[in-house]
Amino acid sequence: MTAAGGGDAEGVFDALGDPTRRAVLGAVATAGPVTATELARRFPVSRQAVVKHLGALAGAGLVAPERTGREVRYHLVPAPLDDAATWLRHVGGAWDDRIERLRAHLDPGPSVDGST
C-alpha cells in the first residue's frame, strides 16, 4: 500500500495498529526528545516493552533515535504521518465519489411532469 504522496503508508498503519504504540508516539510527540526510560515511567509496561514499541515506530519511520553519550533519545518524524494522511484522503475521496454516483443513480431527481 503506497500513499498517493509516494510514501509507504502500510508500515505506518501497522505501527499505529497497537494502542500502546499510539500512546508512546503521542508521548514522544508531546515530550520532545525522550529516552525509553523516561517513557517507561508513563506507561504500565516495562522499559523493555517501551523499547520494543519504539523499535516498531522507528521501523515505520515515525520516530528516530539519536544517541547522546550513553543515552538514546527518540524524536518524532512527522513525514510518514503526512504520507498516511494523504493516502486516507485519496481513499476517502474515492469512496465519496462512489457514494455520490450511487446517490445520483438511486435518486434521479424530478420527473418531466414535475413530480419526484
PDB file of N, CA and C in Angstrom:
ATOM      1  N   MET A   1       0.861  -1.158   0.000  1.00  0.00           N
ATOM      2  CA  MET A   1       0.000   0.000   0.000  1.00  0.00           C
ATOM      3  C   MET A   1       0.904   1.216   0.000  1.00  0.00           C
ATOM      4  N   THR A   2       0.825   2.020  -1.009  1.00  0.00           N
ATOM      5  CA  THR A   2       1.638   3.214  -1.111  1.00  0.00           C
ATOM      6  C   THR A   2       0.731   4.421  -1.084  1.00  0.00           C
ATOM      7  N   ALA A   3       1.108   5.434  -0.338  1.00  0.00           N
ATOM      8  CA  ALA A   3       0.320   6.656  -0.232  1.00  0.00           C
ATOM      9  C   ALA A   3       0.343   7.389  -1.552  1.00  0.00           C
ATOM     10  N   ALA A   4      -0.702   8.154  -1.820  1.00  0.00           N
ATOM     11  CA  ALA A   4      -0.774   8.941  -3.036  1.00  0.00           C
ATOM     12  C   ALA A   4       0.400   9.907  -3.126  1.00  0.00           C
ATOM     13  N   GLY A   5       0.954  10.310  -1.986  1.00  0.00           N
ATOM     14  CA  GLY A   5       2.088  11.216  -1.957  1.00  0.00           C
ATOM     15  C   GLY A   5       3.415  10.514  -2.184  1.00  0.00           C
ATOM     16  N   GLY A   6       3.428   9.192  -2.286  1.00  0.00           N
ATOM     17  CA  GLY A   6       4.636   8.462  -2.615  1.00  0.00           C
ATOM     18  C   GLY A   6       5.237   7.672  -1.474  1.00  0.00           C
ATOM     19  N   GLY A   7       4.845   7.907  -0.231  1.00  0.00           N
ATOM     20  CA  GLY A   7       5.430   7.193   0.898  1.00  0.00           C
ATOM     21  C   GLY A   7       4.754   5.855   1.133  1.00  0.00           C
ATOM     22  N   ASP A   8       5.327   5.090   2.040  1.00  0.00           N
ATOM     23  CA  ASP A   8       4.779   3.782   2.370  1.00  0.00           C
ATOM     24  C   ASP A   8       3.867   3.907   3.583  1.00  0.00           C
ATOM     25  N   ALA A   9       2.559   3.900   3.356  1.00  0.00           N
ATOM     26  CA  ALA A   9       1.588   4.059   4.442  1.00  0.00           C
ATOM     27  C   ALA A   9       1.382   2.761   5.209  1.00  0.00           C
ATOM     28  N   GLU A  10       1.637   1.623   4.601  1.00  0.00           N
ATOM     29  CA  GLU A  10       1.361   0.341   5.254  1.00  0.00           C
ATOM     30  C   GLU A  10       2.130   0.189   6.565  1.00  0.00           C
ATOM     31  N   GLY A  11       3.409   0.526   6.564  1.00  0.00           N
ATOM     32  CA  GLY A  11       4.206   0.436   7.771  1.00  0.00           C
ATOM     33  C   GLY A  11       3.687   1.345   8.872  1.00  0.00           C
ATOM     34  N   VAL A  12       3.206   2.519   8.483  1.00  0.00           N
ATOM     35  CA  VAL A  12       2.646   3.460   9.454  1.00  0.00           C
ATOM     36  C   VAL A  12       1.392   2.870  10.078  1.00  0.00           C
ATOM     37  N   PHE A  13       0.494   2.338   9.252  1.00  0.00           N
ATOM     38  CA  PHE A  13      -0.745   1.760   9.777  1.00  0.00           C
ATOM     39  C   PHE A  13      -0.456   0.533  10.645  1.00  0.00           C
ATOM     40  N   ASP A  14       0.511  -0.278  10.248  1.00  0.00           N
ATOM     41  CA  ASP A  14       0.901  -1.431  11.074  1.00  0.00           C
ATOM     42  C   ASP A  14       1.398  -0.964  12.440  1.00  0.00           C
ATOM     43  N   ALA A  15       2.258   0.030  12.436  1.00  0.00           N
ATOM     44  CA  ALA A  15       2.822   0.526  13.693  1.00  0.00           C
ATOM     45  C   ALA A  15       1.753   1.155  14.575  1.00  0.00           C
ATOM     46  N   LEU A  16       0.824   1.855  13.976  1.00  0.00           N
ATOM     47  CA  LEU A  16      -0.213   2.542  14.751  1.00  0.00           C
ATOM     48  C   LEU A  16      -1.393   1.638  15.099  1.00  0.00           C
ATOM     49  N   GLY A  17      -1.333   0.378  14.691  1.00  0.00           N
ATOM     50  CA  GLY A  17      -2.409  -0.562  14.985  1.00  0.00           C
ATOM     51  C   GLY A  17      -2.455  -0.974  16.454  1.00  0.00           C
ATOM     52  N   ASP A  18      -1.418  -0.717  17.187  1.00  0.00           N
ATOM     53  CA  ASP A  18      -1.358  -1.086  18.606  1.00  0.00           C
ATOM     54  C   ASP A  18      -1.634   0.159  19.454  1.00  0.00           C
ATOM     55  N   PRO A  19      -2.592   0.091  20.387  1.00  0.00           N
ATOM     56  CA  PRO A  19      -2.935   1.278  21.184  1.00  0.00           C
ATOM     57  C   PRO A  19      -1.787   1.777  22.063  1.00  0.00           C
ATOM     58  N   THR A  20      -0.976   0.865  22.598  1.00  0.00           N
ATOM     59  CA  THR A  20       0.164   1.315  23.412  1.00  0.00           C
ATOM     60  C   THR A  20       1.157   2.050  22.542  1.00  0.00           C
ATOM     61  N   ARG A  21       1.375   1.548  21.332  1.00  0.00           N
ATOM     62  CA  ARG A  21       2.310   2.199  20.417  1.00  0.00           C
ATOM     63  C   ARG A  21       1.822   3.598  20.049  1.00  0.00           C
ATOM     64  N   ARG A  22       0.504   3.737  19.837  1.00  0.00           N
ATOM     65  CA  ARG A  22      -0.039   5.073  19.552  1.00  0.00           C
ATOM     66  C   ARG A  22       0.210   6.003  20.736  1.00  0.00           C
ATOM     67  N   ALA A  23       0.026   5.485  21.947  1.00  0.00           N
ATOM     68  CA  ALA A  23       0.256   6.299  23.145  1.00  0.00           C
ATOM     69  C   ALA A  23       1.733   6.674  23.279  1.00  0.00           C
ATOM     70  N   VAL A  24       2.619   5.734  22.981  1.00  0.00           N
ATOM     71  CA  VAL A  24       4.055   6.018  23.030  1.00  0.00           C
ATOM     72  C   VAL A  24       4.395   7.097  22.005  1.00  0.00           C
ATOM     73  N   LEU A  25       3.864   6.994  20.811  1.00  0.00           N
ATOM     74  CA  LEU A  25       4.118   8.009  19.786  1.00  0.00           C
ATOM     75  C   LEU A  25       3.606   9.368  20.250  1.00  0.00           C
ATOM     76  N   GLY A  26       2.429   9.389  20.848  1.00  0.00           N
ATOM     77  CA  GLY A  26       1.897  10.645  21.370  1.00  0.00           C
ATOM     78  C   GLY A  26       2.784  11.239  22.444  1.00  0.00           C
ATOM     79  N   ALA A  27       3.321  10.378  23.302  1.00  0.00           N
ATOM     80  CA  ALA A  27       4.217  10.854  24.359  1.00  0.00           C
ATOM     81  C   ALA A  27       5.512  11.403  23.774  1.00  0.00           C
ATOM     82  N   VAL A  28       6.051  10.742  22.768  1.00  0.00           N
ATOM     83  CA  VAL A  28       7.260  11.242  22.112  1.00  0.00           C
ATOM     84  C   VAL A  28       6.968  12.601  21.461  1.00  0.00           C
ATOM     85  N   ALA A  29       5.824  12.705  20.823  1.00  0.00           N
ATOM     86  CA  ALA A  29       5.461  13.964  20.163  1.00  0.00           C
ATOM     87  C   ALA A  29       5.304  15.093  21.174  1.00  0.00           C
ATOM     88  N   THR A  30       4.738  14.790  22.336  1.00  0.00           N
ATOM     89  CA  THR A  30       4.488  15.795  23.362  1.00  0.00           C
ATOM     90  C   THR A  30       5.743  16.146  24.147  1.00  0.00           C
ATOM     91  N   ALA A  31       6.517  15.137  24.517  1.00  0.00           N
ATOM     92  CA  ALA A  31       7.660  15.341  25.408  1.00  0.00           C
ATOM     93  C   ALA A  31       8.921  15.792  24.679  1.00  0.00           C
ATOM     94  N   GLY A  32       8.918  15.699  23.362  1.00  0.00           N
ATOM     95  CA  GLY A  32      10.134  16.033  22.636  1.00  0.00           C
ATOM     96  C   GLY A  32      11.118  14.883  22.705  1.00  0.00           C
ATOM     97  N   PRO A  33      12.386  15.116  22.424  1.00  0.00           N
ATOM     98  CA  PRO A  33      13.342  14.012  22.514  1.00  0.00           C
ATOM     99  C   PRO A  33      13.308  13.400  23.913  1.00  0.00           C
ATOM    100  N   VAL A  34      13.065  12.098  23.969  1.00  0.00           N
ATOM    101  CA  VAL A  34      12.848  11.411  25.232  1.00  0.00           C
ATOM    102  C   VAL A  34      13.481  10.028  25.176  1.00  0.00           C
ATOM    103  N   THR A  35      13.949   9.540  26.324  1.00  0.00           N
ATOM    104  CA  THR A  35      14.543   8.208  26.389  1.00  0.00           C
ATOM    105  C   THR A  35      13.460   7.164  26.679  1.00  0.00           C
ATOM    106  N   ALA A  36      13.793   5.913  26.426  1.00  0.00           N
ATOM    107  CA  ALA A  36      12.872   4.816  26.726  1.00  0.00           C
ATOM    108  C   ALA A  36      12.597   4.750  28.225  1.00  0.00           C
ATOM    109  N   THR A  37      13.594   5.030  29.032  1.00  0.00           N
ATOM    110  CA  THR A  37      13.416   5.010  30.494  1.00  0.00           C
ATOM    111  C   THR A  37      12.419   6.074  30.929  1.00  0.00           C
ATOM    112  N   GLU A  38      12.535   7.267  30.361  1.00  0.00           N
ATOM    113  CA  GLU A  38      11.590   8.343  30.687  1.00  0.00           C
ATOM    114  C   GLU A  38      10.176   7.961  30.264  1.00  0.00           C
ATOM    115  N   LEU A  39      10.064   7.337  29.101  1.00  0.00           N
ATOM    116  CA  LEU A  39       8.745   6.918  28.616  1.00  0.00           C
ATOM    117  C   LEU A  39       8.154   5.809  29.482  1.00  0.00           C
ATOM    118  N   ALA A  40       9.000   4.887  29.930  1.00  0.00           N
ATOM    119  CA  ALA A  40       8.511   3.748  30.710  1.00  0.00           C
ATOM    120  C   ALA A  40       7.852   4.197  32.009  1.00  0.00           C
ATOM    121  N   ARG A  41       8.249   5.334  32.523  1.00  0.00           N
ATOM    122  CA  ARG A  41       7.627   5.869  33.747  1.00  0.00           C
ATOM    123  C   ARG A  41       6.177   6.275  33.509  1.00  0.00           C
ATOM    124  N   ARG A  42       5.822   6.517  32.265  1.00  0.00           N
ATOM    125  CA  ARG A  42       4.474   6.985  31.923  1.00  0.00           C
ATOM    126  C   ARG A  42       3.493   5.859  31.615  1.00  0.00           C
ATOM    127  N   PHE A  43       4.003   4.650  31.439  1.00  0.00           N
ATOM    128  CA  PHE A  43       3.159   3.548  30.981  1.00  0.00           C
ATOM    129  C   PHE A  43       3.245   2.351  31.926  1.00  0.00           C
ATOM    130  N   PRO A  44       2.180   1.564  31.968  1.00  0.00           N
ATOM    131  CA  PRO A  44       2.182   0.381  32.841  1.00  0.00           C
ATOM    132  C   PRO A  44       2.848  -0.827  32.180  1.00  0.00           C
ATOM    133  N   VAL A  45       3.953  -0.567  31.472  1.00  0.00           N
ATOM    134  CA  VAL A  45       4.711  -1.640  30.822  1.00  0.00           C
ATOM    135  C   VAL A  45       6.182  -1.461  31.178  1.00  0.00           C
ATOM    136  N   SER A  46       6.952  -2.494  30.940  1.00  0.00           N
ATOM    137  CA  SER A  46       8.382  -2.437  31.269  1.00  0.00           C
ATOM    138  C   SER A  46       9.136  -1.539  30.283  1.00  0.00           C
ATOM    139  N   ARG A  47      10.338  -1.169  30.681  1.00  0.00           N
ATOM    140  CA  ARG A  47      11.201  -0.392  29.791  1.00  0.00           C
ATOM    141  C   ARG A  47      11.480  -1.187  28.511  1.00  0.00           C
ATOM    142  N   GLN A  48      11.685  -2.506  28.675  1.00  0.00           N
ATOM    143  CA  GLN A  48      11.950  -3.348  27.508  1.00  0.00           C
ATOM    144  C   GLN A  48      10.769  -3.323  26.530  1.00  0.00           C
ATOM    145  N   ALA A  49       9.553  -3.308  27.062  1.00  0.00           N
ATOM    146  CA  ALA A  49       8.373  -3.231  26.195  1.00  0.00           C
ATOM    147  C   ALA A  49       8.333  -1.893  25.463  1.00  0.00           C
ATOM    148  N   VAL A  50       8.684  -0.820  26.167  1.00  0.00           N
ATOM    149  CA  VAL A  50       8.731   0.504  25.535  1.00  0.00           C
ATOM    150  C   VAL A  50       9.768   0.515  24.422  1.00  0.00           C
ATOM    151  N   VAL A  51      10.932  -0.086  24.682  1.00  0.00           N
ATOM    152  CA  VAL A  51      11.986  -0.162  23.660  1.00  0.00           C
ATOM    153  C   VAL A  51      11.476  -0.917  22.429  1.00  0.00           C
ATOM    154  N   LYS A  52      10.742  -1.995  22.660  1.00  0.00           N
ATOM    155  CA  LYS A  52      10.187  -2.766  21.545  1.00  0.00           C
ATOM    156  C   LYS A  52       9.199  -1.917  20.734  1.00  0.00           C
ATOM    157  N   HIS A  53       8.341  -1.171  21.419  1.00  0.00           N
ATOM    158  CA  HIS A  53       7.394  -0.286  20.722  1.00  0.00           C
ATOM    159  C   HIS A  53       8.130   0.816  19.964  1.00  0.00           C
ATOM    160  N   LEU A  54       9.154   1.378  20.583  1.00  0.00           N
ATOM    161  CA  LEU A  54       9.946   2.405  19.899  1.00  0.00           C
ATOM    162  C   LEU A  54      10.628   1.832  18.657  1.00  0.00           C
ATOM    163  N   GLY A  55      11.061   0.581  18.744  1.00  0.00           N
ATOM    164  CA  GLY A  55      11.671  -0.072  17.582  1.00  0.00           C
ATOM    165  C   GLY A  55      10.695  -0.213  16.431  1.00  0.00           C
ATOM    166  N   ALA A  56       9.460  -0.584  16.754  1.00  0.00           N
ATOM    167  CA  ALA A  56       8.434  -0.702  15.709  1.00  0.00           C
ATOM    168  C   ALA A  56       8.118   0.666  15.107  1.00  0.00           C
ATOM    169  N   LEU A  57       8.033   1.678  15.963  1.00  0.00           N
ATOM    170  CA  LEU A  57       7.770   3.041  15.469  1.00  0.00           C
ATOM    171  C   LEU A  57       8.936   3.546  14.622  1.00  0.00           C
ATOM    172  N   ALA A  58      10.156   3.226  15.034  1.00  0.00           N
ATOM    173  CA  ALA A  58      11.333   3.615  14.248  1.00  0.00           C
ATOM    174  C   ALA A  58      11.353   2.870  12.909  1.00  0.00           C
ATOM    175  N   GLY A  59      10.969   1.595  12.932  1.00  0.00           N
ATOM    176  CA  GLY A  59      10.908   0.822  11.696  1.00  0.00           C
ATOM    177  C   GLY A  59       9.927   1.394  10.688  1.00  0.00           C
ATOM    178  N   ALA A  60       8.868   2.020  11.195  1.00  0.00           N
ATOM    179  CA  ALA A  60       7.879   2.667  10.319  1.00  0.00           C
ATOM    180  C   ALA A  60       8.299   4.090   9.964  1.00  0.00           C
ATOM    181  N   GLY A  61       9.424   4.528  10.515  1.00  0.00           N
ATOM    182  CA  GLY A  61       9.912   5.876  10.215  1.00  0.00           C
ATOM    183  C   GLY A  61       9.224   6.973  11.009  1.00  0.00           C
ATOM    184  N   LEU A  62       8.474   6.601  12.052  1.00  0.00           N
ATOM    185  CA  LEU A  62       7.711   7.590  12.821  1.00  0.00           C
ATOM    186  C   LEU A  62       8.515   8.254  13.926  1.00  0.00           C
ATOM    187  N   VAL A  63       9.534   7.580  14.424  1.00  0.00           N
ATOM    188  CA  VAL A  63      10.452   8.170  15.392  1.00  0.00           C
ATOM    189  C   VAL A  63      11.866   7.872  14.929  1.00  0.00           C
ATOM    190  N   ALA A  64      12.790   8.702  15.408  1.00  0.00           N
ATOM    191  CA  ALA A  64      14.204   8.480  15.079  1.00  0.00           C
ATOM    192  C   ALA A  64      15.026   8.529  16.359  1.00  0.00           C
ATOM    193  N   PRO A  65      15.890   7.532  16.547  1.00  0.00           N
ATOM    194  CA  PRO A  65      16.763   7.551  17.728  1.00  0.00           C
ATOM    195  C   PRO A  65      17.964   8.458  17.486  1.00  0.00           C
ATOM    196  N   GLU A  66      18.392   9.083  18.564  1.00  0.00           N
ATOM    197  CA  GLU A  66      19.564   9.951  18.491  1.00  0.00           C
ATOM    198  C   GLU A  66      20.412   9.676  19.726  1.00  0.00           C
ATOM    199  N   ARG A  67      21.602   9.179  19.513  1.00  0.00           N
ATOM    200  CA  ARG A  67      22.482   8.822  20.634  1.00  0.00           C
ATOM    201  C   ARG A  67      23.257  10.061  21.077  1.00  0.00           C
ATOM    202  N   THR A  68      23.191  10.293  22.400  1.00  0.00           N
ATOM    203  CA  THR A  68      23.970  11.356  23.035  1.00  0.00           C
ATOM    204  C   THR A  68      24.679  10.721  24.216  1.00  0.00           C
ATOM    205  N   GLY A  69      25.955  10.409  24.061  1.00  0.00           N
ATOM    206  CA  GLY A  69      26.685   9.701  25.111  1.00  0.00           C
ATOM    207  C   GLY A  69      26.094   8.320  25.311  1.00  0.00           C
ATOM    208  N   ARG A  70      25.661   8.021  26.526  1.00  0.00           N
ATOM    209  CA  ARG A  70      25.074   6.706  26.827  1.00  0.00           C
ATOM    210  C   ARG A  70      23.572   6.683  26.588  1.00  0.00           C
ATOM    211  N   GLU A  71      22.963   7.835  26.383  1.00  0.00           N
ATOM    212  CA  GLU A  71      21.506   7.912  26.207  1.00  0.00           C
ATOM    213  C   GLU A  71      21.113   7.830  24.735  1.00  0.00           C
ATOM    214  N   VAL A  72      19.970   7.207  24.531  1.00  0.00           N
ATOM    215  CA  VAL A  72      19.345   7.231  23.212  1.00  0.00           C
ATOM    216  C   VAL A  72      18.025   7.953  23.385  1.00  0.00           C
ATOM    217  N   ARG A  73      17.890   9.072  22.700  1.00  0.00           N
ATOM    218  CA  ARG A  73      16.654   9.862  22.768  1.00  0.00           C
ATOM    219  C   ARG A  73      15.917   9.709  21.443  1.00  0.00           C
ATOM    220  N   TYR A  74      14.602   9.610  21.555  1.00  0.00           N
ATOM    221  CA  TYR A  74      13.753   9.440  20.385  1.00  0.00           C
ATOM    222  C   TYR A  74      12.974  10.721  20.141  1.00  0.00           C
ATOM    223  N   HIS A  75      12.873  11.094  18.859  1.00  0.00           N
ATOM    224  CA  HIS A  75      12.056  12.251  18.500  1.00  0.00           C
ATOM    225  C   HIS A  75      11.120  11.869  17.351  1.00  0.00           C
ATOM    226  N   LEU A  76      10.035  12.604  17.255  1.00  0.00           N
ATOM    227  CA  LEU A  76       9.010  12.361  16.240  1.00  0.00           C
ATOM    228  C   LEU A  76       9.522  12.721  14.853  1.00  0.00           C
ATOM    229  N   VAL A  77       9.144  11.892  13.880  1.00  0.00           N
ATOM    230  CA  VAL A  77       9.384  12.183  12.464  1.00  0.00           C
ATOM    231  C   VAL A  77       7.994  12.243  11.816  1.00  0.00           C
ATOM    232  N   PRO A  78       7.470  13.435  11.554  1.00  0.00           N
ATOM    233  CA  PRO A  78       6.076  13.552  11.117  1.00  0.00           C
ATOM    234  C   PRO A  78       5.799  13.182   9.658  1.00  0.00           C
ATOM    235  N   ALA A  79       6.793  13.142   8.808  1.00  0.00           N
ATOM    236  CA  ALA A  79       6.563  12.909   7.379  1.00  0.00           C
ATOM    237  C   ALA A  79       5.760  11.638   7.084  1.00  0.00           C
ATOM    238  N   PRO A  80       6.053  10.489   7.715  1.00  0.00           N
ATOM    239  CA  PRO A  80       5.244   9.302   7.414  1.00  0.00           C
ATOM    240  C   PRO A  80       3.772   9.469   7.783  1.00  0.00           C
ATOM    241  N   LEU A  81       3.473  10.266   8.806  1.00  0.00           N
ATOM    242  CA  LEU A  81       2.071  10.531   9.149  1.00  0.00           C
ATOM    243  C   LEU A  81       1.400  11.331   8.042  1.00  0.00           C
ATOM    244  N   ASP A  82       2.136  12.264   7.453  1.00  0.00           N
ATOM    245  CA  ASP A  82       1.606  13.030   6.326  1.00  0.00           C
ATOM    246  C   ASP A  82       1.309  12.115   5.142  1.00  0.00           C
ATOM    247  N   ASP A  83       2.223  11.155   4.885  1.00  0.00           N
ATOM    248  CA  ASP A  83       2.004  10.208   3.791  1.00  0.00           C
ATOM    249  C   ASP A  83       0.752   9.370   4.033  1.00  0.00           C
ATOM    250  N   ALA A  84       0.565   8.910   5.273  1.00  0.00           N
ATOM    251  CA  ALA A  84      -0.625   8.112   5.603  1.00  0.00           C
ATOM    252  C   ALA A  84      -1.886   8.951   5.479  1.00  0.00           C
ATOM    253  N   ALA A  85      -1.836  10.214   5.922  1.00  0.00           N
ATOM    254  CA  ALA A  85      -2.998  11.103   5.812  1.00  0.00           C
ATOM    255  C   ALA A  85      -3.340  11.357   4.349  1.00  0.00           C
ATOM    256  N   THR A  86      -2.331  11.498   3.508  1.00  0.00           N
ATOM    257  CA  THR A  86      -2.565  11.678   2.065  1.00  0.00           C
ATOM    258  C   THR A  86      -3.260  10.454   1.489  1.00  0.00           C
ATOM    259  N   TRP A  87      -2.810   9.272   1.895  1.00  0.00           N
ATOM    260  CA  TRP A  87      -3.434   8.037   1.415  1.00  0.00           C
ATOM    261  C   TRP A  87      -4.888   7.968   1.858  1.00  0.00           C
ATOM    262  N   LEU A  88      -5.149   8.312   3.131  1.00  0.00           N
ATOM    263  CA  LEU A  88      -6.528   8.298   3.645  1.00  0.00           C
ATOM    264  C   LEU A  88      -7.413   9.277   2.891  1.00  0.00           C
ATOM    265  N   ARG A  89      -6.901  10.468   2.604  1.00  0.00           N
ATOM    266  CA  ARG A  89      -7.687  11.450   1.829  1.00  0.00           C
ATOM    267  C   ARG A  89      -7.997  10.914   0.432  1.00  0.00           C
ATOM    268  N   HIS A  90      -7.010  10.274  -0.183  1.00  0.00           N
ATOM    269  CA  HIS A  90      -7.199   9.717  -1.526  1.00  0.00           C
ATOM    270  C   HIS A  90      -8.280   8.633  -1.518  1.00  0.00           C
ATOM    271  N   VAL A  91      -8.170   7.702  -0.578  1.00  0.00           N
ATOM    272  CA  VAL A  91      -9.152   6.615  -0.481  1.00  0.00           C
ATOM    273  C   VAL A  91     -10.520   7.165  -0.091  1.00  0.00           C
ATOM    274  N   GLY A  92     -10.557   8.085   0.868  1.00  0.00           N
ATOM    275  CA  GLY A  92     -11.821   8.688   1.285  1.00  0.00           C
ATOM    276  C   GLY A  92     -12.494   9.435   0.146  1.00  0.00           C
ATOM    277  N   GLY A  93     -11.702  10.144  -0.645  1.00  0.00           N
ATOM    278  CA  GLY A  93     -12.261  10.868  -1.800  1.00  0.00           C
ATOM    279  C   GLY A  93     -12.859   9.921  -2.827  1.00  0.00           C
ATOM    280  N   ALA A  94     -12.196   8.790  -3.050  1.00  0.00           N
ATOM    281  CA  ALA A  94     -12.721   7.798  -3.995  1.00  0.00           C
ATOM    282  C   ALA A  94     -14.058   7.249  -3.495  1.00  0.00           C
ATOM    283  N   TRP A  95     -14.161   6.974  -2.185  1.00  0.00           N
ATOM    284  CA  TRP A  95     -15.429   6.484  -1.630  1.00  0.00           C
ATOM    285  C   TRP A  95     -16.510   7.561  -1.707  1.00  0.00           C
ATOM    286  N   ASP A  96     -16.149   8.814  -1.471  1.00  0.00           N
ATOM    287  CA  ASP A  96     -17.121   9.908  -1.596  1.00  0.00           C
ATOM    288  C   ASP A  96     -17.678   9.958  -3.007  1.00  0.00           C
ATOM    289  N   ASP A  97     -16.800   9.800  -4.004  1.00  0.00           N
ATOM    290  CA  ASP A  97     -17.248   9.803  -5.403  1.00  0.00           C
ATOM    291  C   ASP A  97     -18.199   8.634  -5.674  1.00  0.00           C
ATOM    292  N   ARG A  98     -17.881   7.453  -5.170  1.00  0.00           N
ATOM    293  CA  ARG A  98     -18.742   6.279  -5.376  1.00  0.00           C
ATOM    294  C   ARG A  98     -20.110   6.479  -4.732  1.00  0.00           C
ATOM    295  N   ILE A  99     -20.118   7.006  -3.529  1.00  0.00           N
ATOM    296  CA  ILE A  99     -21.393   7.231  -2.822  1.00  0.00           C
ATOM    297  C   ILE A  99     -22.224   8.266  -3.563  1.00  0.00           C
ATOM    298  N   GLU A 100     -21.593   9.301  -4.062  1.00  0.00           N
ATOM    299  CA  GLU A 100     -22.328  10.336  -4.804  1.00  0.00           C
ATOM    300  C   GLU A 100     -22.921   9.760  -6.096  1.00  0.00           C
ATOM    301  N   ARG A 101     -22.176   8.909  -6.796  1.00  0.00           N
ATOM    302  CA  ARG A 101     -22.717   8.275  -8.011  1.00  0.00           C
ATOM    303  C   ARG A 101     -23.883   7.357  -7.670  1.00  0.00           C
ATOM    304  N   LEU A 102     -23.776   6.612  -6.572  1.00  0.00           N
ATOM    305  CA  LEU A 102     -24.869   5.744  -6.136  1.00  0.00           C
ATOM    306  C   LEU A 102     -26.087   6.575  -5.780  1.00  0.00           C
ATOM    307  N   ARG A 103     -25.881   7.665  -5.044  1.00  0.00           N
ATOM    308  CA  ARG A 103     -26.980   8.556  -4.667  1.00  0.00           C
ATOM    309  C   ARG A 103     -27.686   9.103  -5.917  1.00  0.00           C
ATOM    310  N   ALA A 104     -26.921   9.525  -6.912  1.00  0.00           N
ATOM    311  CA  ALA A 104     -27.496  10.053  -8.148  1.00  0.00           C
ATOM    312  C   ALA A 104     -28.268   8.965  -8.892  1.00  0.00           C
ATOM    313  N   HIS A 105     -27.760   7.737  -8.851  1.00  0.00           N
ATOM    314  CA  HIS A 105     -28.436   6.625  -9.522  1.00  0.00           C
ATOM    315  C   HIS A 105     -29.758   6.276  -8.836  1.00  0.00           C
ATOM    316  N   LEU A 106     -29.767   6.306  -7.508  1.00  0.00           N
ATOM    317  CA  LEU A 106     -30.966   5.943  -6.754  1.00  0.00           C
ATOM    318  C   LEU A 106     -32.001   7.052  -6.700  1.00  0.00           C
ATOM    319  N   ASP A 107     -31.556   8.291  -6.826  1.00  0.00           N
ATOM    320  CA  ASP A 107     -32.454   9.436  -6.772  1.00  0.00           C
ATOM    321  C   ASP A 107     -32.209  10.311  -8.014  1.00  0.00           C
ATOM    322  N   PRO A 108     -32.831   9.932  -9.148  1.00  0.00           N
ATOM    323  CA  PRO A 108     -32.549  10.642 -10.385  1.00  0.00           C
ATOM    324  C   PRO A 108     -33.093  12.066 -10.437  1.00  0.00           C
ATOM    325  N   GLY A 109     -33.835  12.494  -9.436  1.00  0.00           N
ATOM    326  CA  GLY A 109     -34.352  13.863  -9.415  1.00  0.00           C
ATOM    327  C   GLY A 109     -35.800  13.901  -9.901  1.00  0.00           C
ATOM    328  N   PRO A 110     -36.334  15.107 -10.096  1.00  0.00           N
ATOM    329  CA  PRO A 110     -37.748  15.264 -10.502  1.00  0.00           C
ATOM    330  C   PRO A 110     -37.996  14.701 -11.898  1.00  0.00           C
ATOM    331  N   SER A 111     -39.205  14.178 -12.094  1.00  0.00           N
ATOM    332  CA  SER A 111     -39.580  13.656 -13.417  1.00  0.00           C
ATOM    333  C   SER A 111     -39.967  14.817 -14.323  1.00  0.00           C
ATOM    334  N   VAL A 112     -40.250  14.505 -15.570  1.00  0.00           N
ATOM    335  CA  VAL A 112     -40.588  15.507 -16.593  1.00  0.00           C
ATOM    336  C   VAL A 112     -41.849  16.271 -16.203  1.00  0.00           C
ATOM    337  N   ASP A 113     -42.823  15.627 -15.558  1.00  0.00           N
ATOM    338  CA  ASP A 113     -44.067  16.321 -15.209  1.00  0.00           C
ATOM    339  C   ASP A 113     -43.959  17.109 -13.899  1.00  0.00           C
ATOM    340  N   GLY A 114     -42.726  17.197 -13.317  1.00  0.00           N
ATOM    341  CA  GLY A 114     -42.506  17.992 -12.119  1.00  0.00           C
ATOM    342  C   GLY A 114     -42.646  17.240 -10.824  1.00  0.00           C
ATOM    343  N   SER A 115     -43.106  15.993 -10.849  1.00  0.00           N
ATOM    344  CA  SER A 115     -43.222  15.226  -9.621  1.00  0.00           C
ATOM    345  C   SER A 115     -41.885  14.563  -9.319  1.00  0.00           C
ATOM    346  N   THR A 116     -41.729  14.115  -8.073  1.00  0.00           N
ATOM    347  CA  THR A 116     -40.475  13.462  -7.703  1.00  0.00           C
ATOM    348  C   THR A 116     -40.614  11.976  -7.685  1.00  0.00           C
TER     349      THR A 116
END
